[in-house]
Protein backbone atom coordinates (compact mmCIF):
# COMPACT_ATOMS: atom_id res chain seq x y z
CA UNK A 1 83.23 -36.62 63.89
CA UNK A 2 83.69 -33.03 65.07
CA UNK A 3 86.49 -34.37 67.42
CA UNK A 4 88.25 -35.90 64.56
CA UNK A 5 88.19 -32.80 62.13
CA UNK A 6 89.36 -30.65 65.15
CA UNK A 7 92.39 -33.02 65.85
CA UNK A 8 92.90 -32.93 61.87
CA UNK A 9 93.02 -29.22 62.03
CA UNK A 10 95.35 -29.12 65.17
CA UNK A 11 97.79 -31.66 63.51
CA UNK A 12 97.51 -29.86 60.42
CA UNK A 13 98.72 -26.66 62.11
CA UNK A 14 101.32 -28.48 64.12
CA UNK A 15 102.64 -30.12 60.85
CA UNK A 16 103.24 -26.61 59.33
CA UNK A 17 104.91 -25.04 62.59
CA UNK A 18 107.39 -27.95 63.33
CA UNK A 19 108.19 -28.26 59.63
CA UNK A 20 108.87 -24.50 59.15
CA UNK A 21 110.62 -23.63 62.65
CA UNK A 22 111.78 -27.03 64.26
CA UNK A 23 112.57 -29.65 61.46
CA UNK A 24 113.70 -27.20 58.49
CA UNK A 25 115.55 -30.26 56.76
CA UNK A 26 112.39 -32.39 57.14
CA UNK A 27 111.48 -32.06 53.47
CA UNK A 28 114.82 -32.47 52.03
CA UNK A 29 115.14 -35.71 54.00
CA UNK A 30 111.63 -36.92 52.85
CA UNK A 31 112.36 -36.28 49.38
CA UNK A 32 115.76 -38.06 49.73
CA UNK A 33 114.04 -40.94 51.21
CA UNK A 34 111.34 -41.15 48.53
CA UNK A 35 114.11 -40.71 45.63
CA UNK A 36 115.94 -43.78 47.20
CA UNK A 37 112.95 -45.98 46.74
CA UNK A 38 112.51 -45.10 43.10
CA UNK A 39 114.48 -46.96 40.57
CA UNK A 40 117.62 -45.16 39.30
CA UNK A 41 116.32 -45.41 35.85
CA UNK A 42 113.39 -43.19 36.91
CA UNK A 43 115.06 -40.51 38.54
CA UNK A 44 114.97 -38.00 35.75
CA UNK A 45 115.50 -34.26 36.40
CA UNK A 46 111.73 -33.67 35.60
CA UNK A 47 110.85 -36.39 38.08
CA UNK A 48 112.82 -34.99 40.86
CA UNK A 49 111.37 -31.52 40.06
CA UNK A 50 108.09 -32.73 40.22
CA UNK A 51 108.75 -34.46 43.47
CA UNK A 52 110.18 -31.31 44.86
CA UNK A 53 106.95 -29.08 43.81
CA UNK A 54 104.50 -31.85 45.21
CA UNK A 55 106.23 -32.42 48.60
CA UNK A 56 105.72 -29.14 50.81
CA UNK A 57 104.55 -28.47 54.17
CA UNK A 58 101.10 -27.50 53.22
CA UNK A 59 100.47 -30.78 51.17
CA UNK A 60 101.70 -32.90 54.38
CA UNK A 61 99.33 -30.81 56.49
CA UNK A 62 96.45 -31.08 53.97
CA UNK A 63 96.88 -34.74 53.85
CA UNK A 64 97.20 -35.30 57.27
CA UNK A 65 93.95 -33.11 57.73
CA UNK A 66 91.96 -35.33 55.28
CA UNK A 67 93.29 -38.46 56.44
CA UNK A 68 92.53 -38.03 60.47
CA UNK A 69 88.85 -36.47 59.27
CA UNK A 70 88.15 -39.53 57.39
CA UNK A 71 89.47 -42.16 59.77
CA UNK A 72 88.05 -40.42 62.56
CA UNK A 73 84.77 -40.43 60.98
CA UNK A 74 84.64 -43.85 59.95
CA UNK A 75 85.74 -44.90 63.31
CA UNK A 76 83.07 -42.68 64.66
CA UNK A 77 80.54 -44.48 62.63
CA UNK A 78 81.57 -47.79 63.54
CA UNK A 79 81.43 -47.05 67.13
CA UNK A 80 77.91 -45.69 66.69
CA UNK A 81 76.78 -48.64 64.90
CA UNK A 82 78.49 -51.05 67.34
CA UNK A 83 76.71 -49.27 70.30
CA UNK A 84 73.44 -49.02 68.73
CA UNK A 85 73.25 -52.81 68.10
CA UNK A 86 74.27 -53.18 72.03
CA UNK A 87 71.27 -51.34 73.45
């Protein structure tokens, strides 16, 4: 579990650095792709503004941190259960 949380932290830091310095158009491209999946009738200025506020480098990094930590913990529990049953 410590490894999965540590990996999550490293990946979150990588996300922030890479989006900030190496892929500056990443957030705009991500917003464009997400808007393309929304029906035109729902693309109101308020919806677009809300989407722009919610998609940031920090939210992406935090969601990846949580996702990696949870999935890694679940895999760790499953592996320990499997290994305990084998012995």
